[in-house]
């Protein structure tokens, strides 16, 4: 999924009164630092309106890990490979 597509979905969820919370399912080896930052910023805006939860799948590394950090709560199982070099 690209950042433009995901950002549009995040904005749609933020505007939709029937959406009470958002669960972000992360399955990502990473990707563009710029795209990750743009998605993260959009998720921070969403959190001002609705609760945000992240669920890490098998792999949530680098940019995937970074965008999950925007969530109010992050869920991962013991087998989720997560983390990143350079993400604070």
C-alpha atoms as a PDB file:
ATOM      1  CA  UNK A   1       0.000   0.000   0.000  1.00  0.00           C
ATOM      2  CA  UNK A   2       1.306   3.441  -0.813  1.00  0.00           C
ATOM      3  CA  UNK A   3       1.306   6.482   1.419  1.00  0.00           C
ATOM      4  CA  UNK A   4      -1.216   8.357  -0.758  1.00  0.00           C
ATOM      5  CA  UNK A   5      -3.687   5.476  -0.620  1.00  0.00           C
ATOM      6  CA  UNK A   6      -3.295   4.953   3.119  1.00  0.00           C
ATOM      7  CA  UNK A   7      -3.540   8.667   3.920  1.00  0.00           C
ATOM      8  CA  UNK A   8      -6.838   8.884   2.019  1.00  0.00           C
ATOM      9  CA  UNK A   9      -8.193   5.926   3.993  1.00  0.00           C
ATOM     10  CA  UNK A  10      -7.065   7.520   7.283  1.00  0.00           C
ATOM     11  CA  UNK A  11      -8.806  10.783   6.348  1.00  0.00           C
ATOM     12  CA  UNK A  12     -11.975   8.929   5.367  1.00  0.00           C
ATOM     13  CA  UNK A  13     -12.026   7.130   8.722  1.00  0.00           C
ATOM     14  CA  UNK A  14     -11.443  10.399  10.590  1.00  0.00           C
ATOM     15  CA  UNK A  15     -14.450  12.021   8.849  1.00  0.00           C
ATOM     16  CA  UNK A  16     -16.816   9.053   9.082  1.00  0.00           C
ATOM     17  CA  UNK A  17     -19.115   9.422  12.120  1.00  0.00           C
ATOM     18  CA  UNK A  18     -19.801   5.677  12.121  1.00  0.00           C
ATOM     19  CA  UNK A  19     -16.123   4.911  12.715  1.00  0.00           C
ATOM     20  CA  UNK A  20     -15.584   4.992  16.478  1.00  0.00           C
ATOM     21  CA  UNK A  21     -11.929   3.851  16.513  1.00  0.00           C
ATOM     22  CA  UNK A  22      -9.275   2.759  14.032  1.00  0.00           C
ATOM     23  CA  UNK A  23      -7.227  -0.443  14.128  1.00  0.00           C
ATOM     24  CA  UNK A  24      -4.097  -0.213  11.999  1.00  0.00           C
ATOM     25  CA  UNK A  25      -2.861  -3.665  10.985  1.00  0.00           C
ATOM     26  CA  UNK A  26       0.864  -3.459  10.248  1.00  0.00           C
ATOM     27  CA  UNK A  27       2.591  -6.006   7.991  1.00  0.00           C
ATOM     28  CA  UNK A  28       5.590  -4.168   6.611  1.00  0.00           C
ATOM     29  CA  UNK A  29       9.337  -4.547   6.161  1.00  0.00           C
ATOM     30  CA  UNK A  30       9.582  -0.749   6.011  1.00  0.00           C
ATOM     31  CA  UNK A  31       9.963   1.497   3.046  1.00  0.00           C
ATOM     32  CA  UNK A  32      10.440   5.167   2.382  1.00  0.00           C
ATOM     33  CA  UNK A  33      11.317   7.286   5.403  1.00  0.00           C
ATOM     34  CA  UNK A  34       9.382  10.203   3.916  1.00  0.00           C
ATOM     35  CA  UNK A  35       6.258   8.091   3.296  1.00  0.00           C
ATOM     36  CA  UNK A  36       6.448   6.700   6.833  1.00  0.00           C
ATOM     37  CA  UNK A  37       6.709  10.193   8.290  1.00  0.00           C
ATOM     38  CA  UNK A  38       3.765  11.473   6.232  1.00  0.00           C
ATOM     39  CA  UNK A  39       1.625   8.505   7.344  1.00  0.00           C
ATOM     40  CA  UNK A  40       2.708   8.957  10.975  1.00  0.00           C
ATOM     41  CA  UNK A  41       1.715  12.636  10.886  1.00  0.00           C
ATOM     42  CA  UNK A  42      -1.693  11.778   9.430  1.00  0.00           C
ATOM     43  CA  UNK A  43      -2.229   9.190  12.173  1.00  0.00           C
ATOM     44  CA  UNK A  44      -1.380  11.809  14.818  1.00  0.00           C
ATOM     45  CA  UNK A  45      -4.132  14.017  13.332  1.00  0.00           C
ATOM     46  CA  UNK A  46      -6.569  11.090  13.390  1.00  0.00           C
ATOM     47  CA  UNK A  47      -5.827  10.487  17.084  1.00  0.00           C
ATOM     48  CA  UNK A  48      -7.165  13.939  17.889  1.00  0.00           C
ATOM     49  CA  UNK A  49     -10.605  12.661  16.809  1.00  0.00           C
ATOM     50  CA  UNK A  50     -10.651   8.911  17.427  1.00  0.00           C
ATOM     51  CA  UNK A  51      -8.752   6.209  19.315  1.00  0.00           C
ATOM     52  CA  UNK A  52      -6.018   4.509  17.303  1.00  0.00           C
ATOM     53  CA  UNK A  53      -4.752   0.979  17.894  1.00  0.00           C
ATOM     54  CA  UNK A  54      -1.947  -0.790  16.058  1.00  0.00           C
ATOM     55  CA  UNK A  55      -1.776  -4.527  15.566  1.00  0.00           C
ATOM     56  CA  UNK A  56       1.576  -5.875  14.416  1.00  0.00           C
ATOM     57  CA  UNK A  57       1.501  -8.897  12.169  1.00  0.00           C
ATOM     58  CA  UNK A  58       4.511 -11.110  11.443  1.00  0.00           C
ATOM     59  CA  UNK A  59       6.699  -8.185  10.420  1.00  0.00           C
ATOM     60  CA  UNK A  60       6.565  -4.546  11.499  1.00  0.00           C
ATOM     61  CA  UNK A  61      10.021  -3.195  10.864  1.00  0.00           C
ATOM     62  CA  UNK A  62      11.465   0.198  10.082  1.00  0.00           C
ATOM     63  CA  UNK A  63       8.663   2.386   8.669  1.00  0.00           C
ATOM     64  CA  UNK A  64       6.021  -0.110   9.770  1.00  0.00           C
ATOM     65  CA  UNK A  65       7.309   0.123  13.326  1.00  0.00           C
ATOM     66  CA  UNK A  66       7.468   3.904  13.097  1.00  0.00           C
ATOM     67  CA  UNK A  67       3.838   4.365  12.026  1.00  0.00           C
ATOM     68  CA  UNK A  68       2.668   1.933  14.720  1.00  0.00           C
ATOM     69  CA  UNK A  69       4.259   4.231  17.310  1.00  0.00           C
ATOM     70  CA  UNK A  70       1.510   6.788  16.608  1.00  0.00           C
ATOM     71  CA  UNK A  71      -1.086   4.451  18.151  1.00  0.00           C
ATOM     72  CA  UNK A  72      -2.567   4.763  21.624  1.00  0.00           C
ATOM     73  CA  UNK A  73      -1.952   1.040  22.122  1.00  0.00           C
ATOM     74  CA  UNK A  74       0.189  -1.420  20.163  1.00  0.00           C
ATOM     75  CA  UNK A  75      -0.558  -5.143  20.081  1.00  0.00           C
ATOM     76  CA  UNK A  76       2.064  -7.657  18.983  1.00  0.00           C
ATOM     77  CA  UNK A  77       2.474 -11.337  19.602  1.00  0.00           C
ATOM     78  CA  UNK A  78       5.668 -13.008  20.705  1.00  0.00           C
ATOM     79  CA  UNK A  79       6.542 -13.930  17.106  1.00  0.00           C
ATOM     80  CA  UNK A  80       6.191 -10.445  15.603  1.00  0.00           C
ATOM     81  CA  UNK A  81       9.491  -9.269  14.179  1.00  0.00           C
ATOM     82  CA  UNK A  82       9.610  -5.593  14.986  1.00  0.00           C
ATOM     83  CA  UNK A  83      12.055  -2.786  15.499  1.00  0.00           C
ATOM     84  CA  UNK A  84      14.288  -0.612  13.465  1.00  0.00           C
ATOM     85  CA  UNK A  85      17.710   0.851  13.189  1.00  0.00           C
ATOM     86  CA  UNK A  86      17.483   4.613  13.467  1.00  0.00           C
ATOM     87  CA  UNK A  87      13.910   4.971  14.738  1.00  0.00           C
ATOM     88  CA  UNK A  88      13.654   6.798  18.027  1.00  0.00           C
END
